Amino acid sequence: MTGVDRRSLLGAAIAGPALATSRAMAKPAAADPRARYSPRARRIVEQALVIDMLAPPRLDLSETGWTRPLSDKERADFRTSGITGMHNAIGIGGPDARVDALTFLAAQQGFAGRNADVFSLVGSVADLDRAKAERKIGMIMGLQNAEQFETTKDVPLFYGLGLRCAQLTYNSQNRIGSGCTDRVDGGVSDYGAEIVAEMNKAGMLVDVSHSGDRTTLDAIALSQGPIAITHANCRALSHHPRGKTDEAIVALARKGGVIGISGVRQFVKDRDPTTVADVADHIEHVVKLTAVEHVGIGSDADLNGYDDMAPDQYKALKAAYKSSYAFRDRIDIEGFDHPRKMYDLTEELIRRGWSDANIALVLGGNFRRLLAATWQ
């Protein structure tokens, strides 16, 4: 998701007011919100390298969405989230995709730089390890499409500019392949095969989260190494077109890839109630199909989720997608809709008898391994 009103978002990212230099007077420290979790859950999250493989830092499409200074509350929420790495990516497309992609990279890396007390930019796995040691959040730059690659030469160019992950397609057909909401899926095109080869060569992670079924399987087969489904769910449980088939999940795992389970309500379950326990069901479904080494988290939201967006933005976001997306009244999931969502998920896995080591793999160890095997 996170693809509505992209031009307004991108324009605001570089055109807004300068960051304020004054800070509000410090308020008395509030009680640590992590205190309500068990000592074991806190230990697991705080020791693990936690990677959310689809998490824009802020879901705000207003004119100041990316230029507004971080508030003290936002800083506190990031620091107590337990998250080490956030894959920051939006959906782009159309005739201006290349310019929009370049603008997004410049704006977001600038946002990270202006808030260097909270974020650090990620170009290698060592940068994620450093972010963990420095108690910062490493920002992994990505894009939820590949229309910015007008020629194969654009792949190494964008890698040099900081892009470390790119989806081959968003929801609809492009020169590379088909999206998950297309009526017909023609698979990866000849040009798409060239782009996959160039991404492998550059060390850029191939992502097929929004790709159609055949395009997904083609990409897995064409790639010389493992690829990712950074944020999706299991169609066997949700019956949603944005979910991945068991066949695709097994093929991904056989190649060494990882799927990140999202927290978008209709992708997780086709009826209410939908809770963090249902997210855990998707994780366990992947493990039963493959092994614990092939599943992670890609929440597909910022720390607070979609339901806290401004009403006009929330309405516009829902209206931007085809009816097959099947939005319900709410987009977020109980227990997975706040800054400490990783702690709630950890508690749920503890309740199910998971070991500390396996929980740590799901929280980020598996994606760290994949990124280390991919990035040059």
Protein backbone atom coordinates (compact mmCIF):
# COMPACT_ATOMS: atom_id res chain seq x y z
CA MET A 1 0.00 0.00 0.00
CA THR A 2 1.29 3.51 0.86
CA GLY A 3 0.86 4.58 -2.74
CA VAL A 4 -1.96 7.15 -2.78
CA ASP A 5 -1.48 10.80 -3.86
CA ARG A 6 2.18 10.19 -4.55
CA ARG A 7 2.90 13.42 -6.42
CA SER A 8 1.60 15.54 -3.53
CA LEU A 9 3.66 13.48 -1.13
CA LEU A 10 6.82 13.76 -3.21
CA GLY A 11 6.40 17.46 -3.80
CA ALA A 12 5.84 18.18 -0.14
CA ALA A 13 8.95 16.24 0.75
CA ILE A 14 11.23 18.87 -0.76
CA ALA A 15 9.12 22.04 -0.80
CA GLY A 16 7.97 22.45 2.77
CA PRO A 17 9.21 24.87 5.43
CA ALA A 18 12.63 24.51 6.96
CA LEU A 19 12.90 22.49 10.11
CA ALA A 20 12.39 24.47 13.27
CA THR A 21 15.48 24.87 15.38
CA SER A 22 13.77 25.52 18.68
CA ARG A 23 12.66 22.66 20.86
CA ALA A 24 9.81 22.59 23.35
CA MET A 25 10.79 22.55 26.98
CA ALA A 26 11.37 19.03 28.23
CA LYS A 27 8.48 17.47 30.08
CA PRO A 28 8.79 15.05 32.96
CA ALA A 29 9.61 11.57 31.70
CA ALA A 30 6.57 9.34 31.35
CA ALA A 31 6.55 5.73 32.44
CA ASP A 32 8.28 3.43 29.97
CA PRO A 33 5.48 1.98 27.76
CA ARG A 34 7.49 -1.25 27.44
CA ALA A 35 7.00 -1.97 31.13
CA ARG A 36 3.69 -3.75 30.49
CA TYR A 37 5.43 -6.53 28.56
CA SER A 38 6.96 -9.62 30.12
CA PRO A 39 10.70 -9.56 30.92
CA ARG A 40 11.22 -12.33 28.38
CA ALA A 41 9.49 -10.44 25.56
CA ARG A 42 11.45 -7.30 26.36
CA ARG A 43 14.72 -9.20 26.37
CA ILE A 44 14.02 -10.88 23.02
CA VAL A 45 13.05 -7.67 21.24
CA GLU A 46 15.79 -5.56 22.76
CA GLN A 47 18.51 -8.08 21.93
CA ALA A 48 17.26 -8.93 18.42
CA LEU A 49 17.98 -7.08 15.20
CA VAL A 50 14.37 -6.18 14.39
CA ILE A 51 13.64 -5.37 10.74
CA ASP A 52 10.26 -4.20 9.43
CA MET A 53 10.55 -4.77 5.68
CA LEU A 54 7.82 -2.28 4.76
CA ALA A 55 7.48 0.66 7.10
CA PRO A 56 7.48 4.30 5.98
CA PRO A 57 8.45 6.45 8.97
CA ARG A 58 5.36 8.64 8.70
CA LEU A 59 1.99 8.12 6.95
CA ASP A 60 1.11 11.75 6.30
CA LEU A 61 0.25 12.94 2.79
CA SER A 62 -0.15 16.60 3.75
CA GLU A 63 2.05 19.36 2.36
CA THR A 64 4.28 19.22 5.44
CA GLY A 65 4.18 15.46 5.87
CA TRP A 66 7.90 14.96 5.35
CA THR A 67 9.25 18.35 6.31
CA ARG A 68 7.55 18.73 9.68
CA PRO A 69 10.07 18.19 12.48
CA LEU A 70 9.74 15.04 14.53
CA SER A 71 7.86 15.72 17.73
CA ASP A 72 9.17 14.59 21.10
CA LYS A 73 6.46 11.92 21.11
CA GLU A 74 7.51 10.63 17.69
CA ARG A 75 11.12 10.44 18.81
CA ALA A 76 10.12 8.57 21.95
CA ASP A 77 7.93 6.18 19.95
CA PHE A 78 10.73 5.35 17.52
CA ARG A 79 13.19 4.79 20.36
CA THR A 80 10.84 2.48 22.25
CA SER A 81 9.54 0.59 19.20
CA GLY A 82 12.28 -2.04 19.37
CA ILE A 83 12.76 -1.69 15.60
CA THR A 84 16.28 -1.54 14.17
CA GLY A 85 15.58 -1.33 10.44
CA MET A 86 12.66 0.13 8.47
CA HIS A 87 12.27 -0.47 4.74
CA ASN A 88 10.94 2.89 3.53
CA ALA A 89 9.15 2.48 0.19
CA ILE A 90 6.11 3.91 -1.59
CA GLY A 91 4.26 3.00 -4.76
CA ILE A 92 5.09 5.13 -7.80
CA GLY A 93 4.33 4.76 -11.49
CA GLY A 94 3.31 6.44 -14.72
CA PRO A 95 5.24 8.64 -17.15
CA ASP A 96 7.02 10.57 -14.37
CA ALA A 97 8.08 7.50 -12.41
CA ARG A 98 11.82 8.10 -12.83
CA VAL A 99 11.65 11.72 -11.66
CA ASP A 100 9.31 10.80 -8.80
CA ALA A 101 11.66 8.02 -7.71
CA LEU A 102 14.68 10.33 -7.71
CA THR A 103 12.71 12.95 -5.76
CA PHE A 104 11.57 10.38 -3.21
CA LEU A 105 15.10 9.12 -2.62
CA ALA A 106 16.44 12.66 -2.18
CA ALA A 107 13.59 13.68 0.11
CA GLN A 108 13.63 10.63 2.33
CA GLN A 109 17.38 10.44 2.72
CA GLY A 110 17.29 14.13 3.55
CA PHE A 111 14.58 13.46 6.14
CA ALA A 112 16.80 10.81 7.73
CA GLY A 113 19.78 13.15 7.70
CA ARG A 114 17.86 15.99 9.33
CA ASN A 115 16.77 13.59 12.07
CA ALA A 116 20.12 11.86 12.52
CA ASP A 117 19.54 11.44 16.25
CA VAL A 118 16.81 8.91 15.37
CA PHE A 119 17.67 7.53 11.91
CA SER A 120 20.73 6.39 10.02
CA LEU A 121 20.92 5.47 6.34
CA VAL A 122 21.52 1.87 5.36
CA GLY A 123 23.72 0.80 2.46
CA SER A 124 24.98 -2.49 3.85
CA VAL A 125 24.17 -5.00 6.56
CA ALA A 126 27.00 -3.51 8.61
CA ASP A 127 24.96 -0.29 8.71
CA LEU A 128 22.06 -2.19 10.28
CA ASP A 129 24.39 -3.65 12.89
CA ARG A 130 25.75 -0.17 13.57
CA ALA A 131 22.23 1.23 13.92
CA LYS A 132 21.49 -1.44 16.52
CA ALA A 133 24.64 -0.58 18.47
CA GLU A 134 23.81 3.13 18.34
CA ARG A 135 20.15 2.58 19.28
CA LYS A 136 18.97 4.18 16.05
CA ILE A 137 16.64 3.06 13.28
CA GLY A 138 18.38 2.19 10.05
CA MET A 139 16.42 3.46 7.03
CA ILE A 140 16.50 1.05 4.08
CA MET A 141 15.50 2.86 0.90
CA GLY A 142 13.13 1.05 -1.44
CA LEU A 143 10.44 1.57 -4.08
CA GLN A 144 7.26 -0.41 -4.63
CA ASN A 145 7.65 -0.49 -8.40
CA ALA A 146 10.36 -0.65 -11.07
CA GLU A 147 9.00 1.78 -13.65
CA GLN A 148 11.86 4.12 -12.67
CA PHE A 149 14.18 1.76 -14.55
CA GLU A 150 13.73 3.22 -18.02
CA THR A 151 16.81 1.31 -19.21
CA THR A 152 18.92 -1.41 -17.61
CA LYS A 153 21.60 1.22 -16.91
CA ASP A 154 19.23 2.83 -14.39
CA VAL A 155 19.59 -0.14 -12.02
CA PRO A 156 23.23 0.52 -11.00
CA LEU A 157 22.53 4.27 -11.06
CA PHE A 158 19.72 3.94 -8.53
CA TYR A 159 21.78 1.52 -6.44
CA GLY A 160 24.50 4.15 -6.25
CA LEU A 161 21.91 6.70 -5.12
CA GLY A 162 20.88 4.50 -2.20
CA LEU A 163 18.08 2.28 -3.54
CA ARG A 164 18.51 -1.17 -2.01
CA CYS A 165 15.19 -2.87 -2.82
CA ALA A 166 12.63 -2.55 -5.62
CA GLN A 167 9.38 -4.29 -6.42
CA LEU A 168 9.15 -5.42 -10.02
CA THR A 169 5.51 -4.28 -10.25
CA TYR A 170 2.97 -2.47 -8.15
CA ASN A 171 -0.66 -3.59 -8.50
CA SER A 172 -0.90 -3.17 -12.27
CA GLN A 173 0.92 -4.14 -15.46
CA ASN A 174 4.15 -2.40 -16.41
CA ARG A 175 6.97 -3.14 -18.85
CA ILE A 176 8.39 -5.74 -16.47
CA GLY A 177 5.39 -7.84 -15.49
CA SER A 178 1.88 -7.98 -14.08
CA GLY A 179 0.41 -6.82 -10.79
CA CYS A 180 -1.79 -8.71 -8.36
CA THR A 181 -4.96 -6.86 -9.41
CA ASP A 182 -4.55 -7.43 -13.15
CA ARG A 183 -7.18 -9.68 -14.74
CA VAL A 184 -4.51 -11.43 -16.84
CA ASP A 185 -0.96 -12.14 -15.66
CA GLY A 186 1.50 -12.51 -18.54
CA GLY A 187 4.50 -13.11 -16.29
CA VAL A 188 7.90 -11.41 -16.44
CA SER A 189 8.61 -9.85 -19.84
CA ASP A 190 11.88 -10.08 -21.78
CA TYR A 191 12.74 -6.60 -20.53
CA GLY A 192 11.77 -7.67 -17.03
CA ALA A 193 14.19 -10.59 -17.23
CA GLU A 194 16.95 -8.12 -18.12
CA ILE A 195 16.04 -5.94 -15.15
CA VAL A 196 16.12 -8.92 -12.77
CA ALA A 197 19.58 -9.82 -14.10
CA GLU A 198 20.79 -6.24 -13.60
CA MET A 199 19.39 -6.13 -10.08
CA ASN A 200 21.21 -9.37 -9.27
CA LYS A 201 24.41 -7.91 -10.70
CA ALA A 202 24.08 -4.65 -8.77
CA GLY A 203 23.16 -6.38 -5.51
CA MET A 204 19.68 -4.85 -5.30
CA LEU A 205 16.99 -6.95 -3.61
CA VAL A 206 14.19 -8.09 -5.95
CA ASP A 207 10.74 -7.76 -4.36
CA VAL A 208 7.48 -9.22 -5.71
CA SER A 209 5.04 -8.26 -2.94
CA HIS A 210 2.42 -6.75 -5.29
CA SER A 211 3.18 -8.88 -8.34
CA GLY A 212 0.72 -11.31 -9.91
CA ASP A 213 1.01 -15.05 -9.39
CA ARG A 214 2.83 -15.90 -12.62
CA THR A 215 5.06 -12.83 -12.41
CA THR A 216 6.00 -13.84 -8.85
CA LEU A 217 6.94 -17.39 -9.87
CA ASP A 218 8.83 -16.15 -12.95
CA ALA A 219 10.88 -13.71 -10.88
CA ILE A 220 11.83 -16.40 -8.37
CA ALA A 221 12.92 -18.70 -11.19
CA LEU A 222 14.79 -16.02 -13.15
CA SER A 223 16.78 -14.58 -10.26
CA GLN A 224 20.25 -15.97 -9.78
CA GLY A 225 19.86 -15.69 -6.04
CA PRO A 226 17.12 -15.42 -3.41
CA ILE A 227 14.50 -12.68 -3.62
CA ALA A 228 11.93 -11.28 -1.22
CA ILE A 229 8.24 -10.83 -0.70
CA THR A 230 8.77 -7.96 1.72
CA HIS A 231 5.13 -7.46 2.76
CA ALA A 232 2.31 -9.85 1.96
CA ASN A 233 0.30 -12.67 3.50
CA CYS A 234 -0.77 -16.24 2.85
CA ARG A 235 -3.70 -16.47 0.47
CA ALA A 236 -4.63 -19.84 1.95
CA LEU A 237 -5.65 -17.98 5.12
CA SER A 238 -6.90 -14.62 3.83
CA HIS A 239 -8.30 -15.50 0.37
CA HIS A 240 -7.11 -12.09 -0.82
CA PRO A 241 -5.46 -11.40 -4.22
CA ARG A 242 -2.62 -9.57 -2.47
CA GLY A 243 -1.81 -12.79 -0.65
CA LYS A 244 0.73 -15.26 -1.99
CA THR A 245 -0.12 -18.83 -2.94
CA ASP A 246 1.42 -21.77 -1.12
CA GLU A 247 3.18 -22.61 -4.39
CA ALA A 248 4.87 -19.21 -4.47
CA ILE A 249 5.89 -19.35 -0.80
CA VAL A 250 7.46 -22.80 -1.26
CA ALA A 251 9.28 -21.69 -4.43
CA LEU A 252 10.56 -18.58 -2.66
CA ALA A 253 11.90 -20.64 0.24
CA ARG A 254 13.59 -23.19 -2.02
CA LYS A 255 15.55 -20.30 -3.53
CA GLY A 256 16.49 -19.04 -0.05
CA GLY A 257 14.08 -16.11 0.04
CA VAL A 258 11.98 -14.61 2.84
CA ILE A 259 8.37 -13.41 3.02
CA GLY A 260 7.45 -10.58 5.40
CA ILE A 261 3.98 -10.90 6.91
CA SER A 262 1.93 -7.69 6.79
CA GLY A 263 -0.51 -6.25 9.31
CA VAL A 264 -3.15 -4.95 6.90
CA ARG A 265 -6.53 -6.19 8.11
CA GLN A 266 -8.07 -7.50 4.89
CA PHE A 267 -4.78 -9.12 3.82
CA VAL A 268 -4.65 -11.05 7.09
CA LYS A 269 -8.25 -12.23 7.48
CA ASP A 270 -11.49 -11.89 5.51
CA ARG A 271 -13.66 -11.27 8.56
CA ASP A 272 -13.55 -9.70 12.01
CA PRO A 273 -12.28 -9.89 14.64
CA THR A 274 -8.75 -9.66 13.25
CA THR A 275 -5.99 -9.54 15.85
CA VAL A 276 -2.26 -10.00 16.29
CA ALA A 277 -2.98 -13.71 16.79
CA ASP A 278 -4.10 -13.86 13.15
CA VAL A 279 -0.78 -12.33 12.10
CA ALA A 280 0.95 -15.12 14.02
CA ASP A 281 -1.21 -17.66 12.16
CA HIS A 282 0.33 -16.46 8.88
CA ILE A 283 3.82 -16.77 10.31
CA GLU A 284 3.13 -20.32 11.42
CA HIS A 285 1.57 -21.19 8.05
CA VAL A 286 4.82 -20.23 6.31
CA VAL A 287 6.84 -22.24 8.82
CA LYS A 288 4.68 -25.32 8.23
CA LEU A 289 5.08 -24.96 4.46
CA THR A 290 8.81 -24.29 4.55
CA ALA A 291 10.91 -23.57 7.65
CA VAL A 292 11.30 -20.84 10.22
CA GLU A 293 14.19 -19.35 8.22
CA HIS A 294 11.88 -18.05 5.48
CA VAL A 295 9.47 -15.73 7.28
CA GLY A 296 9.77 -12.23 8.73
CA ILE A 297 7.75 -9.04 9.21
CA GLY A 298 6.74 -6.37 6.70
CA SER A 299 3.97 -4.53 8.54
CA ASP A 300 3.06 -2.27 5.59
CA ALA A 301 2.40 0.70 7.89
CA ASP A 302 4.17 3.29 9.99
CA LEU A 303 4.41 2.87 13.76
CA ASN A 304 0.76 3.80 14.35
CA GLY A 305 -0.92 2.41 11.25
CA TYR A 306 -3.43 3.75 8.74
CA ASP A 307 -6.45 4.26 10.98
CA ASP A 308 -4.77 7.26 12.65
CA MET A 309 -4.40 9.15 9.35
CA ALA A 310 -6.28 12.40 8.79
CA PRO A 311 -9.87 11.55 7.69
CA ASP A 312 -9.53 13.12 4.23
CA GLN A 313 -6.27 11.27 3.57
CA TYR A 314 -7.73 8.02 4.88
CA LYS A 315 -10.71 8.33 2.54
CA ALA A 316 -8.49 9.16 -0.44
CA LEU A 317 -6.20 6.22 0.27
CA LYS A 318 -9.06 3.72 0.28
CA ALA A 319 -10.49 5.22 -2.91
CA ALA A 320 -7.19 4.83 -4.76
CA TYR A 321 -7.38 1.03 -5.02
CA LYS A 322 -9.52 -1.37 -7.03
CA SER A 323 -12.55 -2.93 -5.39
CA SER A 324 -10.66 -6.24 -5.13
CA TYR A 325 -8.71 -4.71 -2.24
CA ALA A 326 -11.92 -5.15 -0.20
CA PHE A 327 -11.28 -2.52 2.48
CA ARG A 328 -13.35 -2.82 5.64
CA ASP A 329 -14.12 -0.09 8.17
CA ARG A 330 -10.64 -0.41 9.63
CA ILE A 331 -7.29 -1.18 8.01
CA ASP A 332 -5.18 -1.87 11.11
CA ILE A 333 -5.26 -4.88 13.42
CA GLU A 334 -5.90 -4.97 17.15
CA GLY A 335 -2.60 -5.48 18.94
CA PHE A 336 -0.58 -4.57 15.84
CA ASP A 337 -1.56 -0.92 15.44
CA HIS A 338 0.81 0.99 17.72
CA PRO A 339 4.54 1.72 18.13
CA ARG A 340 5.25 -1.34 20.31
CA LYS A 341 3.60 -3.82 17.91
CA MET A 342 6.75 -5.97 17.77
CA TYR A 343 6.45 -6.57 21.51
CA ASP A 344 2.83 -7.69 21.15
CA LEU A 345 3.77 -10.08 18.35
CA THR A 346 6.61 -11.44 20.46
CA GLU A 347 4.25 -12.06 23.38
CA GLU A 348 1.90 -13.94 21.04
CA LEU A 349 4.71 -16.18 19.78
CA ILE A 350 5.83 -16.81 23.37
CA ARG A 351 2.29 -17.90 24.21
CA ARG A 352 2.50 -20.38 21.34
CA GLY A 353 5.65 -21.98 22.71
CA TRP A 354 8.21 -20.46 20.35
CA SER A 355 11.88 -20.41 21.34
CA ASP A 356 13.79 -17.16 21.80
CA ALA A 357 16.07 -18.02 18.87
CA ASN A 358 13.22 -18.65 16.43
CA ILE A 359 11.37 -15.49 17.47
CA ALA A 360 14.57 -13.52 16.82
CA LEU A 361 14.79 -15.03 13.32
CA VAL A 362 11.25 -13.87 12.52
CA LEU A 363 11.78 -10.41 14.00
CA GLY A 364 14.75 -9.70 11.74
CA GLY A 365 17.37 -12.42 11.65
CA ASN A 366 15.98 -13.95 8.47
CA PHE A 367 15.84 -10.67 6.57
CA ARG A 368 19.33 -9.77 7.78
CA ARG A 369 20.61 -13.03 6.30
CA LEU A 370 18.83 -12.34 3.00
CA LEU A 371 20.12 -8.77 2.77
CA ALA A 372 23.67 -9.91 3.54
CA ALA A 373 23.43 -12.45 0.72
CA THR A 374 22.08 -9.84 -1.73
CA TRP A 375 23.66 -6.45 -1.19
CA GLN A 376 27.07 -5.77 -2.71
